[in-house]
Amino acid sequence: MCGACGHPVVNDPVFPQGRTLRDTLVAAQLLSQLISAHAGSIRVLGLAGGFAVSTPGRQQVLCATVAEVWTTVAAVAPSALSLSARSTEAPGAESPDSRLLQRVLAARWH
């Protein structure tokens, strides 16, 4: 639990050094871009405490970790899990955002 705000602190393996709001926003943007290629009507928003997944015809689902986002997406659009890491490679494969992308993709299977 956070000593400042009282919210529970969730350990997300995608962010081994701890998650900041910037990390959450960048990961949400990556997730939305990846998922929209296979399931265009699903959106992921970054929040201070995690993520909100908007699915078609349903209310938003709050998720604490990237793995929970993938679980929510799999329930609505299983085809979104078939993303290829090769198809999502960006130039500068060693940039912090590309390492984050690889961790976000790896979280599909946890």
C-alpha atoms as a PDB file:
ATOM      1  CA  MET A   1       0.000   0.000   0.000  1.00  0.00           C
ATOM      2  CA  CYS A   2       1.247   3.457  -0.890  1.00  0.00           C
ATOM      3  CA  GLY A   3       2.141   5.480   2.188  1.00  0.00           C
ATOM      4  CA  ALA A   4       1.200   8.730   0.472  1.00  0.00           C
ATOM      5  CA  CYS A   5      -2.181   7.965  -1.091  1.00  0.00           C
ATOM      6  CA  GLY A   6      -3.275   4.658   0.466  1.00  0.00           C
ATOM      7  CA  HIS A   7      -3.828   2.861  -2.846  1.00  0.00           C
ATOM      8  CA  PRO A   8      -2.615  -0.715  -3.153  1.00  0.00           C
ATOM      9  CA  VAL A   9       0.674  -1.085  -4.990  1.00  0.00           C
ATOM     10  CA  VAL A  10       0.596  -3.849  -7.599  1.00  0.00           C
ATOM     11  CA  ASN A  11       3.767  -5.530  -8.816  1.00  0.00           C
ATOM     12  CA  ASP A  12       3.673  -5.654 -12.623  1.00  0.00           C
ATOM     13  CA  PRO A  13       6.476  -7.787 -14.137  1.00  0.00           C
ATOM     14  CA  VAL A  14       6.406  -5.603 -17.271  1.00  0.00           C
ATOM     15  CA  PHE A  15       7.868  -2.806 -15.126  1.00  0.00           C
ATOM     16  CA  PRO A  16      10.643  -4.458 -13.078  1.00  0.00           C
ATOM     17  CA  GLN A  17      11.907  -1.122 -11.706  1.00  0.00           C
ATOM     18  CA  GLY A  18       8.412  -0.011 -10.679  1.00  0.00           C
ATOM     19  CA  ARG A  19       5.690   1.613 -12.739  1.00  0.00           C
ATOM     20  CA  THR A  20       5.346   5.342 -13.249  1.00  0.00           C
ATOM     21  CA  LEU A  21       2.364   7.123 -14.780  1.00  0.00           C
ATOM     22  CA  ARG A  22       4.455   7.722 -17.917  1.00  0.00           C
ATOM     23  CA  ASP A  23       5.195   3.997 -18.143  1.00  0.00           C
ATOM     24  CA  THR A  24       1.499   3.204 -17.828  1.00  0.00           C
ATOM     25  CA  LEU A  25       0.517   5.737 -20.487  1.00  0.00           C
ATOM     26  CA  VAL A  26       3.172   4.498 -22.936  1.00  0.00           C
ATOM     27  CA  ALA A  27       2.223   0.854 -22.328  1.00  0.00           C
ATOM     28  CA  ALA A  28      -1.476   1.676 -22.816  1.00  0.00           C
ATOM     29  CA  GLN A  29      -0.698   3.389 -26.100  1.00  0.00           C
ATOM     30  CA  LEU A  30       1.371   0.403 -27.266  1.00  0.00           C
ATOM     31  CA  LEU A  31      -1.370  -2.016 -26.238  1.00  0.00           C
ATOM     32  CA  SER A  32      -4.050  -0.005 -28.027  1.00  0.00           C
ATOM     33  CA  GLN A  33      -2.001   0.105 -31.215  1.00  0.00           C
ATOM     34  CA  LEU A  34      -1.210  -3.611 -31.096  1.00  0.00           C
ATOM     35  CA  ILE A  35      -4.742  -4.686 -30.281  1.00  0.00           C
ATOM     36  CA  SER A  36      -6.476  -2.332 -32.718  1.00  0.00           C
ATOM     37  CA  ALA A  37      -4.714  -4.072 -35.609  1.00  0.00           C
ATOM     38  CA  HIS A  38      -6.638  -7.278 -34.725  1.00  0.00           C
ATOM     39  CA  ALA A  39      -9.635  -6.040 -32.769  1.00  0.00           C
ATOM     40  CA  GLY A  40     -10.208  -2.434 -33.772  1.00  0.00           C
ATOM     41  CA  SER A  41     -12.966  -1.613 -31.304  1.00  0.00           C
ATOM     42  CA  ILE A  42     -10.948  -2.381 -28.156  1.00  0.00           C
ATOM     43  CA  ARG A  43      -9.113   0.513 -26.529  1.00  0.00           C
ATOM     44  CA  VAL A  44      -6.692   0.601 -23.607  1.00  0.00           C
ATOM     45  CA  LEU A  45      -6.289   3.685 -21.459  1.00  0.00           C
ATOM     46  CA  GLY A  46      -3.533   4.309 -18.936  1.00  0.00           C
ATOM     47  CA  LEU A  47      -4.583   5.293 -15.429  1.00  0.00           C
ATOM     48  CA  ALA A  48      -2.591   6.149 -12.330  1.00  0.00           C
ATOM     49  CA  GLY A  49      -3.438   2.755 -10.815  1.00  0.00           C
ATOM     50  CA  GLY A  50      -3.287   0.604 -13.947  1.00  0.00           C
ATOM     51  CA  PHE A  51      -5.341   0.334 -17.117  1.00  0.00           C
ATOM     52  CA  ALA A  52      -8.924   0.608 -18.356  1.00  0.00           C
ATOM     53  CA  VAL A  53      -9.926  -1.625 -21.256  1.00  0.00           C
ATOM     54  CA  SER A  54     -12.947  -0.489 -23.280  1.00  0.00           C
ATOM     55  CA  THR A  55     -14.578  -3.334 -25.154  1.00  0.00           C
ATOM     56  CA  PRO A  56     -17.404  -3.170 -27.706  1.00  0.00           C
ATOM     57  CA  GLY A  57     -20.851  -3.243 -26.129  1.00  0.00           C
ATOM     58  CA  ARG A  58     -19.438  -3.568 -22.637  1.00  0.00           C
ATOM     59  CA  GLN A  59     -18.403  -1.316 -19.824  1.00  0.00           C
ATOM     60  CA  GLN A  60     -14.777  -0.563 -19.127  1.00  0.00           C
ATOM     61  CA  VAL A  61     -12.783  -3.228 -17.339  1.00  0.00           C
ATOM     62  CA  LEU A  62     -10.158  -2.023 -14.874  1.00  0.00           C
ATOM     63  CA  CYS A  63      -6.876  -3.940 -14.923  1.00  0.00           C
ATOM     64  CA  ALA A  64      -3.967  -3.606 -12.517  1.00  0.00           C
ATOM     65  CA  THR A  65      -1.306  -5.198 -14.747  1.00  0.00           C
ATOM     66  CA  VAL A  66      -0.480  -5.642 -18.425  1.00  0.00           C
ATOM     67  CA  ALA A  67      -1.151  -9.387 -18.072  1.00  0.00           C
ATOM     68  CA  GLU A  68      -4.683  -8.579 -16.854  1.00  0.00           C
ATOM     69  CA  VAL A  69      -5.172  -6.384 -19.935  1.00  0.00           C
ATOM     70  CA  TRP A  70      -4.194  -9.294 -22.188  1.00  0.00           C
ATOM     71  CA  THR A  71      -6.555 -11.616 -20.266  1.00  0.00           C
ATOM     72  CA  THR A  72      -9.419  -9.166 -20.769  1.00  0.00           C
ATOM     73  CA  VAL A  73      -8.612  -8.796 -24.459  1.00  0.00           C
ATOM     74  CA  ALA A  74      -8.368 -12.584 -24.894  1.00  0.00           C
ATOM     75  CA  ALA A  75     -11.878 -12.982 -23.516  1.00  0.00           C
ATOM     76  CA  VAL A  76     -13.274 -10.592 -26.139  1.00  0.00           C
ATOM     77  CA  ALA A  77     -10.920 -11.008 -29.119  1.00  0.00           C
ATOM     78  CA  PRO A  78      -8.670 -14.080 -28.891  1.00  0.00           C
ATOM     79  CA  SER A  79      -7.154 -13.291 -32.294  1.00  0.00           C
ATOM     80  CA  ALA A  80      -5.391 -10.286 -30.751  1.00  0.00           C
ATOM     81  CA  LEU A  81      -3.072 -12.667 -28.880  1.00  0.00           C
ATOM     82  CA  SER A  82      -1.598 -13.934 -32.154  1.00  0.00           C
ATOM     83  CA  LEU A  83       0.546 -10.833 -32.593  1.00  0.00           C
ATOM     84  CA  SER A  84       4.056 -11.469 -33.825  1.00  0.00           C
ATOM     85  CA  ALA A  85       6.947  -9.762 -32.087  1.00  0.00           C
ATOM     86  CA  ARG A  86       8.660  -9.576 -35.478  1.00  0.00           C
ATOM     87  CA  SER A  87       5.763  -7.621 -36.988  1.00  0.00           C
ATOM     88  CA  THR A  88       5.945  -5.060 -34.168  1.00  0.00           C
ATOM     89  CA  GLU A  89       9.684  -4.408 -34.205  1.00  0.00           C
ATOM     90  CA  ALA A  90      10.583  -0.766 -34.402  1.00  0.00           C
ATOM     91  CA  PRO A  91      13.811   0.870 -35.508  1.00  0.00           C
ATOM     92  CA  GLY A  92      16.295   1.240 -32.681  1.00  0.00           C
ATOM     93  CA  ALA A  93      15.647  -2.158 -31.152  1.00  0.00           C
ATOM     94  CA  GLU A  94      17.511  -1.225 -27.972  1.00  0.00           C
ATOM     95  CA  SER A  95      15.527   1.904 -27.104  1.00  0.00           C
ATOM     96  CA  PRO A  96      13.652   1.931 -23.782  1.00  0.00           C
ATOM     97  CA  ASP A  97      10.290   1.952 -25.561  1.00  0.00           C
ATOM     98  CA  SER A  98      11.212  -1.045 -27.718  1.00  0.00           C
ATOM     99  CA  ARG A  99      12.269  -2.982 -24.611  1.00  0.00           C
ATOM    100  CA  LEU A 100       8.933  -2.025 -23.057  1.00  0.00           C
ATOM    101  CA  LEU A 101       7.181  -3.270 -26.209  1.00  0.00           C
ATOM    102  CA  GLN A 102       8.921  -6.634 -25.908  1.00  0.00           C
ATOM    103  CA  ARG A 103       7.905  -6.945 -22.223  1.00  0.00           C
ATOM    104  CA  VAL A 104       4.307  -5.950 -23.080  1.00  0.00           C
ATOM    105  CA  LEU A 105       4.198  -8.660 -25.768  1.00  0.00           C
ATOM    106  CA  ALA A 106       5.743 -11.238 -23.433  1.00  0.00           C
ATOM    107  CA  ALA A 107       3.033 -10.554 -20.836  1.00  0.00           C
ATOM    108  CA  ARG A 108       0.454 -12.149 -23.176  1.00  0.00           C
ATOM    109  CA  TRP A 109       1.479 -15.590 -21.974  1.00  0.00           C
ATOM    110  CA  HIS A 110       1.579 -14.969 -18.199  1.00  0.00           C
END
